[in-house]
Amino acid sequence: MTAPKKYKDFEAAINRLEEITGFLESGEVKLEEAIKLYTEGLEIAGFCDKKLSEAEKKVKIITEKNNVPVEEDFDDEDEK
């Protein structure tokens, strides 16, 4: 098995994932190549999931309490 490719950033990874999806949806890719593309797509999806999780941890919601800005951790369960 080959080592996972490193992607420059989230956007580059998403672009490659879209490209792979296009190849696979075209139906014109031979089976062996489709398997390689599918495997690469899974690696990219994992990379993107990790990047999104990291970004989510960094997101802060700025609220105001008593006219003072307060940073709170992002928590999608407490949506109002």
N, C-alpha and C. Protein backbone atom coordinates (compact mmCIF):
# COMPACT_ATOMS: atom_id res chain seq x y z
N MET A 1 0.84 -1.19 0.00
CA MET A 1 0.00 0.00 0.00
C MET A 1 0.87 1.24 0.00
N THR A 2 0.51 2.23 -0.80
CA THR A 2 1.30 3.45 -0.88
C THR A 2 0.99 4.38 0.27
N ALA A 3 1.94 5.25 0.56
CA ALA A 3 1.74 6.23 1.64
C ALA A 3 0.70 7.25 1.22
N PRO A 4 -0.12 7.72 2.16
CA PRO A 4 -1.12 8.72 1.82
C PRO A 4 -0.47 9.99 1.27
N LYS A 5 -1.09 10.59 0.28
CA LYS A 5 -0.58 11.83 -0.28
C LYS A 5 -0.86 12.96 0.69
N LYS A 6 0.02 13.93 0.68
CA LYS A 6 -0.17 15.11 1.52
C LYS A 6 -0.84 16.18 0.67
N TYR A 7 -1.83 16.82 1.21
CA TYR A 7 -2.55 17.85 0.49
C TYR A 7 -2.15 19.19 1.06
N LYS A 8 -1.99 20.14 0.17
CA LYS A 8 -1.54 21.48 0.55
C LYS A 8 -2.47 22.12 1.57
N ASP A 9 -3.77 22.05 1.29
CA ASP A 9 -4.74 22.66 2.19
C ASP A 9 -6.11 22.04 1.94
N PHE A 10 -7.07 22.45 2.73
CA PHE A 10 -8.42 21.91 2.65
C PHE A 10 -9.02 22.12 1.26
N GLU A 11 -8.86 23.32 0.72
CA GLU A 11 -9.45 23.65 -0.57
C GLU A 11 -8.86 22.80 -1.69
N ALA A 12 -7.54 22.58 -1.67
CA ALA A 12 -6.90 21.75 -2.69
C ALA A 12 -7.40 20.31 -2.58
N ALA A 13 -7.57 19.84 -1.36
CA ALA A 13 -8.06 18.49 -1.15
C ALA A 13 -9.50 18.34 -1.66
N ILE A 14 -10.34 19.32 -1.38
CA ILE A 14 -11.73 19.29 -1.86
C ILE A 14 -11.76 19.30 -3.39
N ASN A 15 -10.92 20.14 -4.00
CA ASN A 15 -10.86 20.18 -5.47
C ASN A 15 -10.49 18.82 -6.05
N ARG A 16 -9.50 18.18 -5.44
CA ARG A 16 -9.10 16.85 -5.91
C ARG A 16 -10.22 15.85 -5.70
N LEU A 17 -10.91 15.93 -4.58
CA LEU A 17 -12.01 15.02 -4.30
C LEU A 17 -13.13 15.20 -5.34
N GLU A 18 -13.41 16.43 -5.71
CA GLU A 18 -14.41 16.70 -6.74
C GLU A 18 -13.97 16.13 -8.09
N GLU A 19 -12.68 16.24 -8.37
CA GLU A 19 -12.13 15.70 -9.62
C GLU A 19 -12.30 14.18 -9.64
N ILE A 20 -11.95 13.54 -8.55
CA ILE A 20 -12.08 12.08 -8.44
C ILE A 20 -13.54 11.67 -8.60
N THR A 21 -14.43 12.40 -7.96
CA THR A 21 -15.86 12.10 -8.06
C THR A 21 -16.32 12.17 -9.51
N GLY A 22 -15.86 13.18 -10.22
CA GLY A 22 -16.20 13.32 -11.64
C GLY A 22 -15.74 12.13 -12.46
N PHE A 23 -14.49 11.69 -12.22
CA PHE A 23 -13.97 10.53 -12.94
C PHE A 23 -14.82 9.29 -12.66
N LEU A 24 -15.10 9.07 -11.39
CA LEU A 24 -15.86 7.87 -11.02
C LEU A 24 -17.29 7.92 -11.54
N GLU A 25 -17.91 9.08 -11.51
CA GLU A 25 -19.28 9.21 -12.00
C GLU A 25 -19.38 9.10 -13.51
N SER A 26 -18.29 9.37 -14.22
CA SER A 26 -18.32 9.30 -15.67
C SER A 26 -18.52 7.87 -16.17
N GLY A 27 -18.09 6.90 -15.37
CA GLY A 27 -18.22 5.51 -15.78
C GLY A 27 -17.22 5.08 -16.83
N GLU A 28 -16.28 5.94 -17.15
CA GLU A 28 -15.30 5.66 -18.20
C GLU A 28 -13.96 5.20 -17.65
N VAL A 29 -13.85 5.04 -16.34
CA VAL A 29 -12.60 4.64 -15.71
C VAL A 29 -12.59 3.12 -15.57
N LYS A 30 -11.45 2.52 -15.89
CA LYS A 30 -11.32 1.07 -15.75
C LYS A 30 -11.32 0.69 -14.27
N LEU A 31 -11.68 -0.54 -14.00
CA LEU A 31 -11.87 -1.01 -12.62
C LEU A 31 -10.66 -0.75 -11.73
N GLU A 32 -9.47 -1.11 -12.17
CA GLU A 32 -8.27 -0.93 -11.32
C GLU A 32 -8.05 0.55 -11.01
N GLU A 33 -8.23 1.40 -12.01
CA GLU A 33 -8.07 2.84 -11.78
C GLU A 33 -9.17 3.36 -10.86
N ALA A 34 -10.38 2.85 -11.01
CA ALA A 34 -11.49 3.26 -10.14
C ALA A 34 -11.19 2.92 -8.69
N ILE A 35 -10.62 1.75 -8.46
CA ILE A 35 -10.27 1.34 -7.09
C ILE A 35 -9.22 2.28 -6.51
N LYS A 36 -8.21 2.63 -7.31
CA LYS A 36 -7.17 3.55 -6.85
C LYS A 36 -7.77 4.92 -6.53
N LEU A 37 -8.64 5.40 -7.41
CA LEU A 37 -9.28 6.70 -7.19
C LEU A 37 -10.16 6.68 -5.95
N TYR A 38 -10.90 5.59 -5.78
CA TYR A 38 -11.78 5.45 -4.62
C TYR A 38 -10.95 5.48 -3.33
N THR A 39 -9.84 4.76 -3.34
CA THR A 39 -8.95 4.72 -2.17
C THR A 39 -8.39 6.11 -1.87
N GLU A 40 -7.96 6.81 -2.93
CA GLU A 40 -7.46 8.17 -2.74
C GLU A 40 -8.57 9.07 -2.19
N GLY A 41 -9.77 8.90 -2.70
CA GLY A 41 -10.91 9.68 -2.23
C GLY A 41 -11.17 9.47 -0.75
N LEU A 42 -11.05 8.23 -0.30
CA LEU A 42 -11.24 7.94 1.13
C LEU A 42 -10.17 8.64 1.97
N GLU A 43 -8.92 8.63 1.48
CA GLU A 43 -7.84 9.31 2.19
C GLU A 43 -8.11 10.81 2.28
N ILE A 44 -8.57 11.39 1.17
CA ILE A 44 -8.87 12.82 1.14
C ILE A 44 -10.03 13.14 2.08
N ALA A 45 -11.05 12.30 2.07
CA ALA A 45 -12.20 12.52 2.96
C ALA A 45 -11.75 12.51 4.42
N GLY A 46 -10.85 11.60 4.77
CA GLY A 46 -10.31 11.55 6.13
C GLY A 46 -9.53 12.81 6.47
N PHE A 47 -8.71 13.26 5.52
CA PHE A 47 -7.95 14.50 5.70
C PHE A 47 -8.88 15.68 5.93
N CYS A 48 -9.92 15.79 5.08
CA CYS A 48 -10.87 16.90 5.18
C CYS A 48 -11.65 16.84 6.49
N ASP A 49 -12.04 15.65 6.90
CA ASP A 49 -12.76 15.50 8.17
C ASP A 49 -11.89 15.98 9.33
N LYS A 50 -10.62 15.61 9.30
CA LYS A 50 -9.69 16.03 10.35
C LYS A 50 -9.56 17.55 10.36
N LYS A 51 -9.41 18.16 9.17
CA LYS A 51 -9.27 19.61 9.09
C LYS A 51 -10.53 20.32 9.59
N LEU A 52 -11.70 19.79 9.24
CA LEU A 52 -12.95 20.39 9.71
C LEU A 52 -13.08 20.28 11.23
N SER A 53 -12.67 19.14 11.78
CA SER A 53 -12.73 18.96 13.25
C SER A 53 -11.80 19.95 13.94
N GLU A 54 -10.61 20.14 13.37
CA GLU A 54 -9.66 21.10 13.94
C GLU A 54 -10.23 22.51 13.88
N ALA A 55 -10.83 22.85 12.75
CA ALA A 55 -11.40 24.19 12.58
C ALA A 55 -12.55 24.42 13.56
N GLU A 56 -13.37 23.39 13.73
CA GLU A 56 -14.51 23.51 14.64
C GLU A 56 -14.05 23.82 16.06
N LYS A 57 -12.93 23.23 16.47
CA LYS A 57 -12.40 23.49 17.81
C LYS A 57 -11.93 24.93 17.96
N LYS A 58 -11.53 25.55 16.85
CA LYS A 58 -11.02 26.91 16.90
C LYS A 58 -12.11 27.97 16.83
N VAL A 59 -13.27 27.55 16.35
CA VAL A 59 -14.34 28.52 16.16
C VAL A 59 -14.83 29.03 17.52
N LYS A 60 -14.92 30.30 17.61
CA LYS A 60 -15.43 30.92 18.83
C LYS A 60 -16.64 31.75 18.48
N ILE A 61 -17.58 31.76 19.36
CA ILE A 61 -18.75 32.61 19.18
C ILE A 61 -18.57 33.81 20.11
N ILE A 62 -18.63 34.97 19.52
CA ILE A 62 -18.49 36.19 20.31
C ILE A 62 -19.90 36.63 20.74
N THR A 63 -20.08 36.73 22.00
CA THR A 63 -21.36 37.19 22.53
C THR A 63 -21.11 38.42 23.41
N GLU A 64 -22.15 39.04 23.76
CA GLU A 64 -22.02 40.21 24.61
C GLU A 64 -22.82 40.01 25.88
N LYS A 65 -22.15 40.13 27.00
CA LYS A 65 -22.80 40.04 28.31
C LYS A 65 -22.46 41.31 29.07
N ASN A 66 -23.49 42.04 29.43
CA ASN A 66 -23.31 43.30 30.15
C ASN A 66 -22.40 44.26 29.37
N ASN A 67 -22.64 44.33 28.06
CA ASN A 67 -21.88 45.20 27.16
C ASN A 67 -20.39 44.88 27.10
N VAL A 68 -20.02 43.66 27.43
CA VAL A 68 -18.62 43.23 27.36
C VAL A 68 -18.55 42.02 26.44
N PRO A 69 -17.71 42.08 25.38
CA PRO A 69 -17.58 40.92 24.49
C PRO A 69 -16.98 39.73 25.25
N VAL A 70 -17.56 38.57 25.05
CA VAL A 70 -17.10 37.36 25.72
C VAL A 70 -16.95 36.27 24.68
N GLU A 71 -15.84 35.55 24.73
CA GLU A 71 -15.64 34.43 23.82
C GLU A 71 -16.17 33.16 24.46
N GLU A 72 -16.94 32.40 23.67
CA GLU A 72 -17.43 31.12 24.14
C GLU A 72 -17.05 30.06 23.12
N ASP A 73 -16.77 28.86 23.57
CA ASP A 73 -16.47 27.78 22.65
C ASP A 73 -17.67 27.47 21.80
N PHE A 74 -17.42 27.13 20.54
CA PHE A 74 -18.48 26.72 19.64
C PHE A 74 -19.06 25.40 20.12
N ASP A 75 -20.37 25.34 20.20
CA ASP A 75 -21.04 24.10 20.62
C ASP A 75 -22.34 24.02 19.87
N ASP A 76 -22.42 23.13 18.85
CA ASP A 76 -23.61 23.06 18.01
C ASP A 76 -24.83 22.52 18.73
N GLU A 77 -24.68 21.91 19.88
CA GLU A 77 -25.81 21.40 20.63
C GLU A 77 -26.59 22.51 21.32
N ASP A 78 -25.96 23.67 21.53
CA ASP A 78 -26.62 24.77 22.23
C ASP A 78 -27.13 25.82 21.28
N GLU A 79 -27.43 25.44 20.03
CA GLU A 79 -27.93 26.41 19.06
C GLU A 79 -29.23 27.02 19.56
N LYS A 80 -29.37 28.31 19.32
CA LYS A 80 -30.57 29.01 19.81
C LYS A 80 -31.47 29.34 18.67
